[in-house]
Protein backbone atom coordinates (compact mmCIF):
# COMPACT_ATOMS: atom_id res chain seq x y z
CA UNK A 1 125.62 43.39 155.49
CA UNK A 2 121.92 42.80 156.29
CA UNK A 3 119.05 44.87 154.92
CA UNK A 4 118.46 46.39 158.37
CA UNK A 5 122.13 47.33 158.79
CA UNK A 6 122.17 48.96 155.37
CA UNK A 7 118.96 50.85 156.13
CA UNK A 8 120.31 52.12 159.46
CA UNK A 9 123.53 53.29 157.80
CA UNK A 10 121.54 55.05 155.09
CA UNK A 11 119.25 56.63 157.69
CA UNK A 12 122.29 57.89 159.60
CA UNK A 13 123.55 59.67 156.48
CA UNK A 14 120.18 61.10 155.50
CA UNK A 15 118.19 61.57 158.71
CA UNK A 16 120.65 62.37 161.50
CA UNK A 17 120.15 66.14 161.35
CA UNK A 18 116.35 65.87 161.32
CA UNK A 19 116.24 63.40 164.21
CA UNK A 20 118.70 65.29 166.39
CA UNK A 21 116.99 68.63 165.79
CA UNK A 22 113.58 67.20 166.70
CA UNK A 23 115.00 65.59 169.83
CA UNK A 24 116.70 68.79 171.00
CA UNK A 25 113.26 70.42 171.00
CA UNK A 26 112.39 67.98 173.79
CA UNK A 27 115.61 68.02 175.83
CA UNK A 28 116.91 71.57 175.19
CA UNK A 29 120.28 69.92 175.85
CA UNK A 30 122.45 68.83 172.94
CA UNK A 31 124.47 66.19 174.81
CA UNK A 32 121.30 64.55 176.11
CA UNK A 33 119.70 64.72 172.67
CA UNK A 34 122.77 63.21 171.01
CA UNK A 35 122.77 60.32 173.48
CA UNK A 36 119.05 59.70 172.90
CA UNK A 37 119.51 59.71 169.12
CA UNK A 38 122.49 57.38 169.24
CA UNK A 39 120.46 54.95 171.35
CA UNK A 40 117.64 55.16 168.79
CA UNK A 41 119.96 54.07 166.00
CA UNK A 42 121.18 51.15 168.12
CA UNK A 43 117.56 50.16 168.81
CA UNK A 44 116.79 50.36 165.10
CA UNK A 45 119.36 47.68 164.30
CA UNK A 46 117.45 45.12 166.37
CA UNK A 47 113.90 46.33 165.67
CA UNK A 48 114.33 46.63 161.92
CA UNK A 49 116.00 43.24 161.71
CA UNK A 50 113.04 41.73 163.58
CA UNK A 51 110.12 43.72 162.13
CA UNK A 52 111.45 44.97 158.82
CA UNK A 53 112.53 48.43 157.77
CA UNK A 54 109.72 50.96 158.36
CA UNK A 55 108.26 52.96 155.50
CA UNK A 56 109.50 56.19 157.10
CA UNK A 57 112.81 55.44 158.83
CA UNK A 58 113.31 59.06 159.89
CA UNK A 59 109.94 59.21 161.62
CA UNK A 60 110.62 55.90 163.39
CA UNK A 61 114.01 57.14 164.61
CA UNK A 62 112.56 60.47 165.74
CA UNK A 63 109.86 58.76 167.76
CA UNK A 64 112.38 56.39 169.35
CA UNK A 65 114.87 59.17 170.10
CA UNK A 66 112.26 61.39 171.71
CA UNK A 67 110.97 58.46 173.77
CA UNK A 68 114.55 57.86 174.93
CA UNK A 69 114.86 61.53 175.80
CA UNK A 70 111.67 61.47 177.85
CA UNK A 71 112.90 58.43 179.74
CA UNK A 72 116.14 60.26 180.48
CA UNK A 73 114.18 63.24 181.78
CA UNK A 74 112.07 61.01 183.99
CA UNK A 75 115.16 59.35 185.42
CA UNK A 76 116.58 62.78 186.16
CA UNK A 77 113.33 63.73 187.91
CA UNK A 78 112.92 66.77 185.67
CA UNK A 79 109.91 65.71 183.63
CA UNK A 80 107.56 68.18 185.27
CA UNK A 81 109.86 71.09 184.42
CA UNK A 82 110.08 69.96 180.82
CA UNK A 83 106.40 69.27 180.18
CA UNK A 84 105.69 72.65 178.55
CA UNK A 85 108.38 71.90 175.97
CA UNK A 86 107.06 68.54 174.88
CA UNK A 87 105.29 67.94 171.61
CA UNK A 88 102.17 65.80 171.58
CA UNK A 89 101.83 62.76 169.34
CA UNK A 90 99.85 64.63 166.68
CA UNK A 91 101.70 67.95 166.57
CA UNK A 92 105.04 66.89 165.15
CA UNK A 93 104.90 69.58 162.48
CA UNK A 94 103.76 72.36 164.80
CA UNK A 95 106.15 75.31 164.97
CA UNK A 96 106.64 76.55 168.50
CA UNK A 97 105.99 80.31 168.88
CA UNK A 98 109.57 81.01 169.92
CA UNK A 99 110.87 79.17 166.86
CA UNK A 100 109.11 81.19 164.21
CA UNK A 101 112.19 83.28 163.41
CA UNK A 102 113.74 80.18 161.79
CA UNK A 103 111.26 77.87 160.04
CA UNK A 104 113.20 74.59 159.90
CA UNK A 105 114.41 72.45 162.81
CA UNK A 106 117.79 71.78 161.22
CA UNK A 107 118.40 75.42 160.39
CA UNK A 108 117.23 76.45 163.86
CA UNK A 109 119.69 74.07 165.47
CA UNK A 110 122.55 75.29 163.27
CA UNK A 111 121.85 78.86 164.39
CA UNK A 112 121.69 77.64 167.97
CA UNK A 113 125.06 75.85 167.80
CA UNK A 114 126.62 78.94 166.22
CA UNK A 115 126.39 80.75 169.55
CA UNK A 116 128.73 83.78 169.69
CA UNK A 117 130.06 82.67 173.09
CA UNK A 118 132.09 79.99 171.28
CA UNK A 119 135.09 80.67 169.08
CA UNK A 120 134.09 80.66 165.44
CA UNK A 121 136.08 77.56 164.46
CA UNK A 122 134.62 75.70 167.44
CA UNK A 123 131.10 76.72 166.40
CA UNK A 124 131.67 75.52 162.87
CA UNK A 125 133.27 72.22 163.86
CA UNK A 126 130.64 71.44 166.50
CA UNK A 127 127.79 72.20 164.13
CA UNK A 128 129.23 70.12 161.30
CA UNK A 129 129.77 67.17 163.63
CA UNK A 130 126.61 67.15 165.72
CA UNK A 131 124.00 68.84 163.56
CA UNK A 132 125.12 67.92 160.06
CA UNK A 133 126.46 64.47 160.94
CA UNK A 134 129.84 65.02 159.26
CA UNK A 135 132.50 62.62 160.53
CA UNK A 136 135.35 64.07 162.57
CA UNK A 137 138.02 63.01 160.00
CA UNK A 138 136.13 64.89 157.26
CA UNK A 139 135.89 68.01 159.44
CA UNK A 140 139.61 67.77 160.22
CA UNK A 141 140.26 67.52 156.50
CA UNK A 142 138.19 70.65 155.83
CA UNK A 143 140.14 72.58 158.49
CA UNK A 144 143.52 71.16 157.40
CA UNK A 145 144.26 69.79 160.89
CA UNK A 146 144.77 66.29 162.29
CA UNK A 147 141.83 64.17 163.43
CA UNK A 148 142.93 64.15 167.12
CA UNK A 149 143.24 67.94 167.06
CA UNK A 150 139.74 68.31 165.68
CA UNK A 151 138.28 65.77 168.11
CA UNK A 152 139.80 67.69 171.01
CA UNK A 153 138.44 70.96 169.66
CA UNK A 154 134.90 69.56 169.47
CA UNK A 155 135.17 68.13 172.99
CA UNK A 156 136.35 71.47 174.40
CA UNK A 157 133.44 73.26 172.71
CA UNK A 158 130.91 70.88 174.25
CA UNK A 159 132.49 71.27 177.68
CA UNK A 160 132.38 75.05 177.39
CA UNK A 161 128.69 74.91 176.52
CA UNK A 162 128.01 72.83 179.62
CA UNK A 163 130.24 74.88 181.93
CA UNK A 164 128.89 78.23 180.74
CA UNK A 165 125.30 76.94 180.76
CA UNK A 166 124.82 78.16 177.22
CA UNK A 167 121.13 77.51 176.49
CA UNK A 168 120.06 75.66 173.38
CA UNK A 169 117.35 78.23 172.85
CA UNK A 170 115.99 79.22 169.48
CA UNK A 171 117.60 82.51 168.45
CA UNK A 172 115.37 85.53 168.12
CA UNK A 173 115.16 87.54 164.94
CA UNK A 174 117.53 90.06 166.54
CA UNK A 175 120.12 87.33 167.16
CA UNK A 176 120.24 86.16 163.56
CA UNK A 177 122.50 88.79 161.94
CA UNK A 178 125.48 88.26 164.28
CA UNK A 179 125.37 84.51 163.68
CA UNK A 180 124.73 84.44 159.94
CA UNK A 181 128.38 84.46 158.78
CA UNK A 182 129.14 81.35 160.82
CA UNK A 183 125.99 79.66 159.56
CA UNK A 184 126.97 80.46 155.98
CA UNK A 185 130.41 78.97 156.62
CA UNK A 186 128.89 75.79 158.04
CA UNK A 187 126.63 75.31 155.04
CA UNK A 188 129.48 76.02 152.63
CA UNK A 189 131.82 73.54 154.36
CA UNK A 190 129.03 70.97 154.44
CA UNK A 191 128.59 71.32 150.68
CA UNK A 192 132.35 71.29 150.08
CA UNK A 193 132.75 68.11 152.12
CA UNK A 194 130.19 66.40 149.92
CA UNK A 195 131.27 68.04 146.64
CA UNK A 196 134.58 66.16 146.70
CA UNK A 197 134.46 63.38 149.27
CA UNK A 198 137.75 62.82 151.10
CA UNK A 199 137.32 59.04 150.87
CA UNK A 200 135.19 56.36 149.25
CA UNK A 201 134.48 55.21 145.71
CA UNK A 202 132.38 58.17 144.59
CA UNK A 203 133.64 61.66 143.93
CA UNK A 204 130.48 63.25 145.40
CA UNK A 205 128.47 62.51 148.54
CA UNK A 206 124.97 63.37 147.38
CA UNK A 207 123.50 63.27 150.88
CA UNK A 208 125.76 66.11 152.09
CA UNK A 209 125.46 68.30 148.99
CA UNK A 210 121.67 67.93 148.94
CA UNK A 211 121.44 68.80 152.64
CA UNK A 212 123.65 71.87 152.21
CA UNK A 213 121.80 73.08 149.13
CA UNK A 214 118.46 72.70 150.90
CA UNK A 215 119.74 74.71 153.88
CA UNK A 216 121.17 77.43 151.61
CA UNK A 217 117.79 77.81 149.92
CA UNK A 218 116.01 78.08 153.27
CA UNK A 219 118.54 80.56 154.62
CA UNK A 220 118.14 82.81 151.59
CA UNK A 221 114.36 82.63 151.94
CA UNK A 222 114.73 83.54 155.61
CA UNK A 223 117.10 86.47 154.94
CA UNK A 224 116.37 87.56 151.35
CA UNK A 225 118.03 90.97 151.79
CA UNK A 226 121.33 89.56 153.03
CA UNK A 227 123.80 89.76 150.14
CA UNK A 228 125.97 86.91 151.37
CA UNK A 229 123.09 84.45 151.70
CA UNK A 230 122.37 85.23 148.06
CA UNK A 231 126.06 84.81 147.24
CA UNK A 232 126.27 81.39 148.87
CA UNK A 233 123.11 80.19 147.15
CA UNK A 234 124.44 81.43 143.81
CA UNK A 235 127.73 79.59 144.36
CA UNK A 236 125.94 76.32 145.08
CA UNK A 237 123.61 76.81 142.12
CA UNK A 238 126.61 76.97 139.78
CA UNK A 239 128.12 73.85 141.34
CA UNK A 240 124.79 72.05 141.00
CA UNK A 241 124.54 73.12 137.36
CA UNK A 242 127.87 71.42 136.55
CA UNK A 243 127.84 68.44 138.88
CA UNK A 244 126.64 65.82 136.36
CA UNK A 245 129.70 66.41 134.17
CA UNK A 246 132.40 66.17 136.85
CA UNK A 247 132.88 62.46 136.17
CA UNK A 248 132.59 60.34 133.06
CA UNK A 249 130.27 57.38 132.59
CA UNK A 250 133.06 55.17 133.97
CA UNK A 251 133.37 57.32 137.10
CA UNK A 252 136.63 58.91 135.97
CA UNK A 253 137.22 62.44 137.26
CA UNK A 254 136.97 65.05 134.49
CA UNK A 255 138.77 68.36 134.77
CA UNK A 256 136.91 71.55 133.95
CA UNK A 257 138.41 71.73 130.47
CA UNK A 258 137.24 68.17 129.75
CA UNK A 259 133.62 68.60 130.81
CA UNK A 260 130.74 68.70 128.32
CA UNK A 261 129.39 72.23 128.72
CA UNK A 262 126.31 71.46 126.67
CA UNK A 263 125.10 69.35 129.62
CA UNK A 264 125.37 72.16 132.15
CA UNK A 265 122.04 73.39 133.51
CA UNK A 266 121.71 76.87 132.01
CA UNK A 267 118.62 77.70 134.05
CA UNK A 268 120.53 77.22 137.29
CA UNK A 269 123.44 79.27 135.96
CA UNK A 270 121.07 82.07 134.93
CA UNK A 271 119.47 82.06 138.40
CA UNK A 272 122.91 82.24 139.99
CA UNK A 273 123.82 85.16 137.75
CA UNK A 274 120.67 87.02 138.76
CA UNK A 275 121.53 86.61 142.44
CA UNK A 276 125.15 87.69 141.88
CA UNK A 277 124.23 90.82 139.93
CA UNK A 278 121.70 91.82 142.59
CA UNK A 279 124.26 91.29 145.38
CA UNK A 280 127.00 93.20 143.55
CA UNK A 281 124.78 96.17 142.80
CA UNK A 282 123.53 96.34 146.40
CA UNK A 283 126.93 96.96 147.99
CA UNK A 284 130.53 95.78 148.40
CA UNK A 285 130.82 92.03 147.72
CA UNK A 286 131.56 89.54 150.48
CA UNK A 287 133.55 86.33 150.20
CA UNK A 288 130.66 84.12 149.07
CA UNK A 289 129.49 86.59 146.44
CA UNK A 290 133.03 86.83 145.06
CA UNK A 291 133.36 83.04 144.93
CA UNK A 292 130.01 82.84 143.18
CA UNK A 293 131.10 85.45 140.63
CA UNK A 294 134.25 83.43 139.89
CA UNK A 295 132.26 80.21 139.49
CA UNK A 296 129.75 81.99 137.23
CA UNK A 297 132.50 83.27 134.93
CA UNK A 298 133.71 79.70 134.47
CA UNK A 299 130.15 78.52 133.81
CA UNK A 300 129.33 81.29 131.33
CA UNK A 301 132.46 80.84 129.21
CA UNK A 302 131.63 79.08 125.92
CA UNK A 303 134.82 77.01 126.29
CA UNK A 304 137.70 76.61 128.69
CA UNK A 305 139.97 78.50 126.31
CA UNK A 306 137.53 81.42 126.21
CA UNK A 307 137.38 81.82 129.99
CA UNK A 308 137.86 85.41 131.14
CA UNK A 309 140.98 84.67 133.19
CA UNK A 310 141.99 88.33 133.76
CA UNK A 311 138.58 88.98 135.34
CA UNK A 312 138.86 85.82 137.42
CA UNK A 313 142.32 86.88 138.60
CA UNK A 314 140.97 90.28 139.59
CA UNK A 315 138.17 88.65 141.59
CA UNK A 316 140.58 86.28 143.33
CA UNK A 317 142.83 89.21 144.21
CA UNK A 318 139.87 90.97 145.85
CA UNK A 319 138.81 87.75 147.58
CA UNK A 320 142.32 87.33 148.98
CA UNK A 321 142.23 90.92 150.23
CA UNK A 322 139.00 90.56 152.21
CA UNK A 323 139.45 86.90 153.17
CA UNK A 324 143.17 86.05 153.48
CA UNK A 325 143.52 82.30 153.16
CA UNK A 326 146.20 79.96 151.78
CA UNK A 327 143.53 78.05 149.86
CA UNK A 328 142.34 81.26 148.19
CA UNK A 329 145.97 82.10 147.41
CA UNK A 330 146.41 78.68 145.78
CA UNK A 331 143.31 79.14 143.63
CA UNK A 332 144.51 82.61 142.72
CA UNK A 333 147.84 81.09 141.61
CA UNK A 334 145.97 78.95 139.08
CA UNK A 335 144.46 82.11 137.61
CA UNK A 336 147.93 83.70 137.60
CA UNK A 337 149.20 80.76 135.54
CA UNK A 338 146.53 81.41 132.91
CA UNK A 339 147.24 85.15 132.74
CA UNK A 340 150.99 85.47 133.42
CA UNK A 341 152.19 81.94 132.73
CA UNK A 342 153.14 78.87 134.81
CA UNK A 343 156.50 80.25 135.93
CA UNK A 344 154.92 83.18 137.77
CA UNK A 345 152.33 80.88 139.33
CA UNK A 346 154.93 78.34 140.42
CA UNK A 347 156.73 81.02 142.40
CA UNK A 348 153.52 81.69 144.34
CA UNK A 349 152.79 77.98 144.87
CA UNK A 350 156.31 77.33 146.16
CA UNK A 351 155.87 80.21 148.62
CA UNK A 352 152.69 78.54 149.88
CA UNK A 353 154.54 75.25 150.12
CA UNK A 354 157.26 76.88 152.23
CA UNK A 355 154.58 78.43 154.45
CA UNK A 356 153.59 74.92 155.52
CA UNK A 357 149.89 75.44 156.23
CA UNK A 358 148.89 73.49 153.12
CA UNK A 359 151.38 70.64 153.65
CA UNK A 360 148.57 68.06 153.86
CA UNK A 361 146.37 69.71 151.22
CA UNK A 362 146.47 67.47 148.18
CA UNK A 363 145.49 70.21 145.76
CA UNK A 364 148.66 72.16 146.57
CA UNK A 365 150.78 69.27 145.32
CA UNK A 366 148.50 68.57 142.35
CA UNK A 367 148.59 72.23 141.30
CA UNK A 368 152.37 72.30 141.61
CA UNK A 369 152.59 69.13 139.52
CA UNK A 370 150.46 70.65 136.76
CA UNK A 371 152.61 73.79 136.66
CA UNK A 372 155.84 71.76 136.58
CA UNK A 373 154.45 69.67 133.70
CA UNK A 374 153.55 72.82 131.76
CA UNK A 375 157.14 73.97 132.25
CA UNK A 376 158.51 70.67 130.91
CA UNK A 377 159.83 69.54 134.32
CA UNK A 378 158.10 66.18 134.22
CA UNK A 379 160.32 64.29 136.68
CA UNK A 380 159.51 66.87 139.35
CA UNK A 381 155.87 66.83 138.30
CA UNK A 382 155.69 63.08 138.93
CA UNK A 383 157.00 63.58 142.48
CA UNK A 384 154.38 66.26 143.14
CA UNK A 385 151.57 64.10 141.74
CA UNK A 386 152.71 61.21 143.94
CA UNK A 387 152.64 63.52 146.97
CA UNK A 388 149.06 64.46 146.12
CA UNK A 389 148.15 60.80 145.60
CA UNK A 390 149.43 59.92 149.07
CA UNK A 391 147.03 62.47 150.60
CA UNK A 392 143.72 61.29 149.13
CA UNK A 393 141.55 58.29 149.93
CA UNK A 394 138.96 59.10 147.25
CA UNK A 395 138.97 56.45 144.53
CA UNK A 396 138.11 58.85 141.69
CA UNK A 397 140.94 61.19 142.64
CA UNK A 398 143.34 58.29 143.10
CA UNK A 399 142.56 57.04 139.61
CA UNK A 400 142.99 60.50 138.12
CA UNK A 401 146.34 61.12 139.83
CA UNK A 402 147.62 57.64 139.01
CA UNK A 403 146.81 58.22 135.34
CA UNK A 404 148.70 61.52 135.43
CA UNK A 405 151.77 59.80 136.91
CA UNK A 406 151.61 56.96 134.36
CA UNK A 407 151.23 59.43 131.52
CA UNK A 408 154.38 61.28 132.52
CA UNK A 409 156.45 58.26 133.54
CA UNK A 410 155.56 55.93 130.70
CA UNK A 411 154.24 58.24 128.01
CA UNK A 412 150.80 56.64 128.15
CA UNK A 413 147.94 58.52 126.43
């Protein structure tokens, strides 16, 4: 792979959202902007190979994409109508008056794509794909559906936008509250997709987690009195505090009980706790605040053994009440195993298995395997671990699951 090819691939991971958002400000049409940006990346392959990689790849791509967009407008004979929307060569950082409600292009575009005229899952999938640059297979994985199903869902959403003439206009301050839950969900799924990558050699995709964390910070600054924006930021703060200890020096995945808690960032955990306490005292907790409270209890425990599992179980029970989800039920079952024992938890996991919605969710099978092992049913545990192994393409997870199988089958340490 050439230097230019590597640079373009890296720029796609890091700069896609910035470039697309800046181009939409010219076209006010997401399909046209996406086409212009894609052409810019193709142009970069040739130009960067010939002239070298520019010092600011994102700025180069933005300029090229917006030039492509202008050419498209000229060909469509609509340039004169679009002139008031164009940015001059020296005002790239100027905030348009109508955009002042949301101070960042990426965040503005996420709010725009989360239009209430679309079904919520369509909003989330479309935003993750087009604005955040998440690949369709990764979005399908997050929604627990097949890749063709997700691709069709994204296509239908784009067609509905075109047919209904939904404008890609910057939302007003009055529009923000009804869209905020979807925006929070997008940011959370973006972080989750990067927190444990579905494929590749590394457990974490730093580009996605950094992008999501940045957006969560901006959203909380934009809506400081919204309890759930605080809850989401607190949740990500706890994850960030622990991220350096999730793998060993050799890249091996480390479970929570194996991680070196002395390396956790206590300042981030304290900031998360402040946000959680403020959100809890201001009113009934939402789903992100409850998840943050659970994560904080894990982070504040001096050791895995000293974790306040009864409190965590209570929080999961409340989370399941306000946000019914098979994934929440699975996580709750883990807490049940620590409070009431593995037998009680296995009953709940087997009910989820029979339900079928988590059939392709590797953590269902891995959780079942762990419970079976704790009950001394190692032959069945091996089968469950192998089922989980067949469902992951992430090298760190594959190594971890393979080691678990070998340990049970061959008595290896």
